[in-house]
Amino acid sequence: MFEKSDTHPAMEAAMIKGYRQMSSAQRLKMAFKMSETIRTLAQAGILKRHPGISDEELRKRLGAILLGRELSIKVNGWDPEKEGY
C-alpha cells in the first residue's frame, strides 16, 4: 500500500511529465544522486546521535539503516535492535 503523499496532485503530475521526458541516463543519474543524498543524511543523523564513533561503527549503523535488520546481521554481524541504528 502506498503512503499518502504531501505533494499537490498538479505538482505531482508535472513532476511525472518531467520524468517521462528525461532519458534513461538522466533518470538513472537522478536516482544515483538521490541515493547519495539519502546516505549523506543518514550518516549525518548517526553522527549527531553518536558523536565520536569509529568509522567501523558508522559503517555498521549505516548498514543497519540501508539494509534492514536481517541483512545487517548477516552482512555486518550488527543487530540494530540490540546495538541501535
Protein backbone atom coordinates (compact mmCIF):
# COMPACT_ATOMS: atom_id res chain seq x y z
CA MET A 1 0.00 0.00 0.00
CA PHE A 2 1.25 3.48 -0.84
CA GLU A 3 1.66 6.12 1.79
CA LYS A 4 -0.30 9.33 1.47
CA SER A 5 1.67 11.98 -0.40
CA ASP A 6 2.02 15.59 0.71
CA THR A 7 2.63 16.66 -2.90
CA HIS A 8 -0.18 18.59 -4.58
CA PRO A 9 -1.70 16.50 -7.41
CA ALA A 10 -0.95 19.16 -10.05
CA MET A 11 2.70 19.32 -8.97
CA GLU A 12 2.94 15.53 -8.94
CA ALA A 13 1.56 15.38 -12.49
CA ALA A 14 4.11 17.99 -13.62
CA MET A 15 6.93 16.02 -11.99
CA ILE A 16 5.84 12.78 -13.65
CA LYS A 17 5.64 14.54 -17.01
CA GLY A 18 9.18 15.84 -16.49
CA TYR A 19 10.47 12.39 -15.56
CA ARG A 20 8.91 10.90 -18.68
CA GLN A 21 10.70 13.47 -20.82
CA MET A 22 14.08 12.52 -19.35
CA SER A 23 16.32 9.97 -20.97
CA SER A 24 17.04 6.73 -19.15
CA ALA A 25 20.54 8.01 -18.42
CA GLN A 26 19.15 11.21 -16.88
CA ARG A 27 16.72 9.27 -14.68
CA LEU A 28 19.49 6.91 -13.58
CA LYS A 29 21.78 9.84 -12.76
CA MET A 30 18.97 11.39 -10.70
CA ALA A 31 18.39 8.11 -8.85
CA PHE A 32 22.10 7.81 -8.00
CA LYS A 33 22.15 11.40 -6.74
CA MET A 34 19.09 10.74 -4.56
CA SER A 35 20.75 7.62 -3.17
CA GLU A 36 23.90 9.60 -2.38
CA THR A 37 21.81 12.28 -0.63
CA ILE A 38 19.98 9.68 1.46
CA ARG A 39 23.29 8.12 2.51
CA THR A 40 24.73 11.54 3.44
CA LEU A 41 21.67 12.46 5.51
CA ALA A 42 21.65 9.08 7.25
CA GLN A 43 25.34 9.40 8.13
CA ALA A 44 24.78 12.92 9.49
CA GLY A 45 21.93 11.65 11.66
CA ILE A 46 24.03 8.78 13.00
CA LEU A 47 26.94 11.09 13.83
CA LYS A 48 24.61 13.54 15.56
CA ARG A 49 23.17 10.76 17.75
CA HIS A 50 26.53 9.03 18.30
CA PRO A 51 29.35 11.61 18.19
CA GLY A 52 32.85 10.21 18.25
CA ILE A 53 32.03 6.73 16.95
CA SER A 54 34.59 4.87 14.87
CA ASP A 55 34.35 4.62 11.09
CA GLU A 56 33.60 0.91 11.53
CA GLU A 57 30.66 1.58 13.84
CA LEU A 58 29.37 4.29 11.49
CA ARG A 59 29.51 1.77 8.62
CA LYS A 60 27.61 -0.83 10.64
CA ARG A 61 24.94 1.62 11.80
CA LEU A 62 24.51 2.93 8.26
CA GLY A 63 24.28 -0.65 7.00
CA ALA A 64 21.52 -1.33 9.51
CA ILE A 65 19.53 1.62 8.16
CA LEU A 66 20.08 0.85 4.49
CA LEU A 67 19.93 -2.95 4.60
CA GLY A 68 17.42 -3.59 7.35
CA ARG A 69 17.84 -5.80 10.39
CA GLU A 70 18.11 -9.24 8.78
CA LEU A 71 20.76 -8.32 6.21
CA SER A 72 22.61 -6.15 8.72
CA ILE A 73 23.02 -9.16 10.98
CA LYS A 74 24.11 -11.41 8.08
CA VAL A 75 26.49 -8.94 6.46
CA ASN A 76 27.89 -6.97 9.40
CA GLY A 77 27.06 -9.07 12.45
CA TRP A 78 25.21 -6.00 13.74
CA ASP A 79 21.74 -6.38 15.24
CA PRO A 80 20.23 -2.89 15.29
CA GLU A 81 17.57 -3.99 17.77
CA LYS A 82 20.38 -4.70 20.28
CA GLU A 83 23.09 -2.25 19.19
CA GLY A 84 20.95 0.56 17.79
CA TYR A 85 20.77 2.26 14.43
